[in-house]
């Protein structure tokens, strides 16, 4: 299978985009850029986190809200 330069560029751009969707900052915040936040989005990333910050119009599933509440982690909807 041979990929064109355009296909490779698209794959690289998509990988970078996905890596940027979820990241932890140095001040114990987990920033998530995805529009829909599920348990799968945050799994294995809550250690040491005090706040989860999502864009204002994000949809956060009830399961995520329950998990954050149980761990005493604040959920913040931030204007973009």
C-alpha atoms as a PDB file:
ATOM      1  CA  UNK A   1       0.000   0.000   0.000  1.00  0.00           C
ATOM      2  CA  UNK A   2       1.426   3.335  -1.027  1.00  0.00           C
ATOM      3  CA  UNK A   3       0.232   6.599   0.444  1.00  0.00           C
ATOM      4  CA  UNK A   4       0.312   9.918  -1.310  1.00  0.00           C
ATOM      5  CA  UNK A   5       1.976  12.954   0.231  1.00  0.00           C
ATOM      6  CA  UNK A   6      -1.483  14.443   0.877  1.00  0.00           C
ATOM      7  CA  UNK A   7      -2.605  11.314   2.735  1.00  0.00           C
ATOM      8  CA  UNK A   8       0.528  11.295   4.887  1.00  0.00           C
ATOM      9  CA  UNK A   9       0.094  15.003   5.657  1.00  0.00           C
ATOM     10  CA  UNK A  10      -3.521  14.377   6.671  1.00  0.00           C
ATOM     11  CA  UNK A  11      -2.540  11.459   8.925  1.00  0.00           C
ATOM     12  CA  UNK A  12       0.166  13.495  10.634  1.00  0.00           C
ATOM     13  CA  UNK A  13      -2.205  16.447  11.134  1.00  0.00           C
ATOM     14  CA  UNK A  14      -4.874  14.139  12.583  1.00  0.00           C
ATOM     15  CA  UNK A  15      -2.441  12.528  15.034  1.00  0.00           C
ATOM     16  CA  UNK A  16      -1.271  15.949  16.218  1.00  0.00           C
ATOM     17  CA  UNK A  17      -4.891  17.130  16.575  1.00  0.00           C
ATOM     18  CA  UNK A  18      -5.782  14.101  18.672  1.00  0.00           C
ATOM     19  CA  UNK A  19      -2.737  14.501  20.887  1.00  0.00           C
ATOM     20  CA  UNK A  20      -3.724  18.104  21.585  1.00  0.00           C
ATOM     21  CA  UNK A  21      -7.319  17.241  22.569  1.00  0.00           C
ATOM     22  CA  UNK A  22      -6.381  16.089  26.053  1.00  0.00           C
ATOM     23  CA  UNK A  23      -3.448  17.333  28.067  1.00  0.00           C
ATOM     24  CA  UNK A  24      -2.542  17.970  31.681  1.00  0.00           C
ATOM     25  CA  UNK A  25      -1.041  21.291  32.645  1.00  0.00           C
ATOM     26  CA  UNK A  26       1.422  21.890  35.447  1.00  0.00           C
ATOM     27  CA  UNK A  27      -1.180  23.365  37.815  1.00  0.00           C
ATOM     28  CA  UNK A  28      -3.181  20.117  38.267  1.00  0.00           C
ATOM     29  CA  UNK A  29      -5.686  20.984  35.533  1.00  0.00           C
ATOM     30  CA  UNK A  30      -6.733  18.501  32.890  1.00  0.00           C
ATOM     31  CA  UNK A  31      -7.751  20.477  29.801  1.00  0.00           C
ATOM     32  CA  UNK A  32      -9.929  18.716  27.280  1.00  0.00           C
ATOM     33  CA  UNK A  33     -10.742  20.278  23.917  1.00  0.00           C
ATOM     34  CA  UNK A  34     -13.227  17.635  22.767  1.00  0.00           C
ATOM     35  CA  UNK A  35     -16.894  18.529  22.286  1.00  0.00           C
ATOM     36  CA  UNK A  36     -18.087  15.322  23.983  1.00  0.00           C
ATOM     37  CA  UNK A  37     -16.350  14.167  27.155  1.00  0.00           C
ATOM     38  CA  UNK A  38     -16.857  10.531  28.144  1.00  0.00           C
ATOM     39  CA  UNK A  39     -15.233   8.264  30.697  1.00  0.00           C
ATOM     40  CA  UNK A  40     -13.053   6.944  27.899  1.00  0.00           C
ATOM     41  CA  UNK A  41     -11.796  10.491  27.279  1.00  0.00           C
ATOM     42  CA  UNK A  42     -10.568  10.912  30.839  1.00  0.00           C
ATOM     43  CA  UNK A  43      -9.655   7.351  31.813  1.00  0.00           C
ATOM     44  CA  UNK A  44      -6.196   6.966  33.335  1.00  0.00           C
ATOM     45  CA  UNK A  45      -5.658  10.735  33.340  1.00  0.00           C
ATOM     46  CA  UNK A  46      -7.164  11.875  36.645  1.00  0.00           C
ATOM     47  CA  UNK A  47      -4.234  11.116  38.934  1.00  0.00           C
ATOM     48  CA  UNK A  48      -3.220  14.351  40.673  1.00  0.00           C
ATOM     49  CA  UNK A  49      -5.862  16.373  38.830  1.00  0.00           C
ATOM     50  CA  UNK A  50      -7.871  18.941  40.797  1.00  0.00           C
ATOM     51  CA  UNK A  51      -9.828  20.497  37.930  1.00  0.00           C
ATOM     52  CA  UNK A  52     -11.065  19.304  34.555  1.00  0.00           C
ATOM     53  CA  UNK A  53     -11.459  22.218  32.154  1.00  0.00           C
ATOM     54  CA  UNK A  54     -13.629  21.845  29.044  1.00  0.00           C
ATOM     55  CA  UNK A  55     -14.945  24.309  26.442  1.00  0.00           C
ATOM     56  CA  UNK A  56     -18.182  26.011  27.456  1.00  0.00           C
ATOM     57  CA  UNK A  57     -20.328  24.136  24.921  1.00  0.00           C
ATOM     58  CA  UNK A  58     -18.902  20.686  25.619  1.00  0.00           C
ATOM     59  CA  UNK A  59     -21.205  17.828  26.485  1.00  0.00           C
ATOM     60  CA  UNK A  60     -20.019  16.011  29.596  1.00  0.00           C
ATOM     61  CA  UNK A  61     -21.672  12.674  30.219  1.00  0.00           C
ATOM     62  CA  UNK A  62     -23.360  12.010  33.573  1.00  0.00           C
ATOM     63  CA  UNK A  63     -20.868   9.191  34.208  1.00  0.00           C
ATOM     64  CA  UNK A  64     -17.986  11.665  33.944  1.00  0.00           C
ATOM     65  CA  UNK A  65     -19.723  14.088  36.290  1.00  0.00           C
ATOM     66  CA  UNK A  66     -20.277  11.273  38.803  1.00  0.00           C
ATOM     67  CA  UNK A  67     -16.643  10.160  38.571  1.00  0.00           C
ATOM     68  CA  UNK A  68     -15.345  13.701  39.057  1.00  0.00           C
ATOM     69  CA  UNK A  69     -17.683  14.261  42.001  1.00  0.00           C
ATOM     70  CA  UNK A  70     -16.555  10.991  43.610  1.00  0.00           C
ATOM     71  CA  UNK A  71     -12.911  12.052  43.259  1.00  0.00           C
ATOM     72  CA  UNK A  72     -13.670  15.622  44.420  1.00  0.00           C
ATOM     73  CA  UNK A  73     -12.429  17.056  41.111  1.00  0.00           C
ATOM     74  CA  UNK A  74     -13.918  20.345  39.962  1.00  0.00           C
ATOM     75  CA  UNK A  75     -15.482  20.547  36.494  1.00  0.00           C
ATOM     76  CA  UNK A  76     -14.993  23.936  34.817  1.00  0.00           C
ATOM     77  CA  UNK A  77     -16.678  25.078  31.596  1.00  0.00           C
ATOM     78  CA  UNK A  78     -14.382  27.684  30.051  1.00  0.00           C
ATOM     79  CA  UNK A  79     -15.272  30.250  27.413  1.00  0.00           C
ATOM     80  CA  UNK A  80     -13.293  29.640  24.258  1.00  0.00           C
END
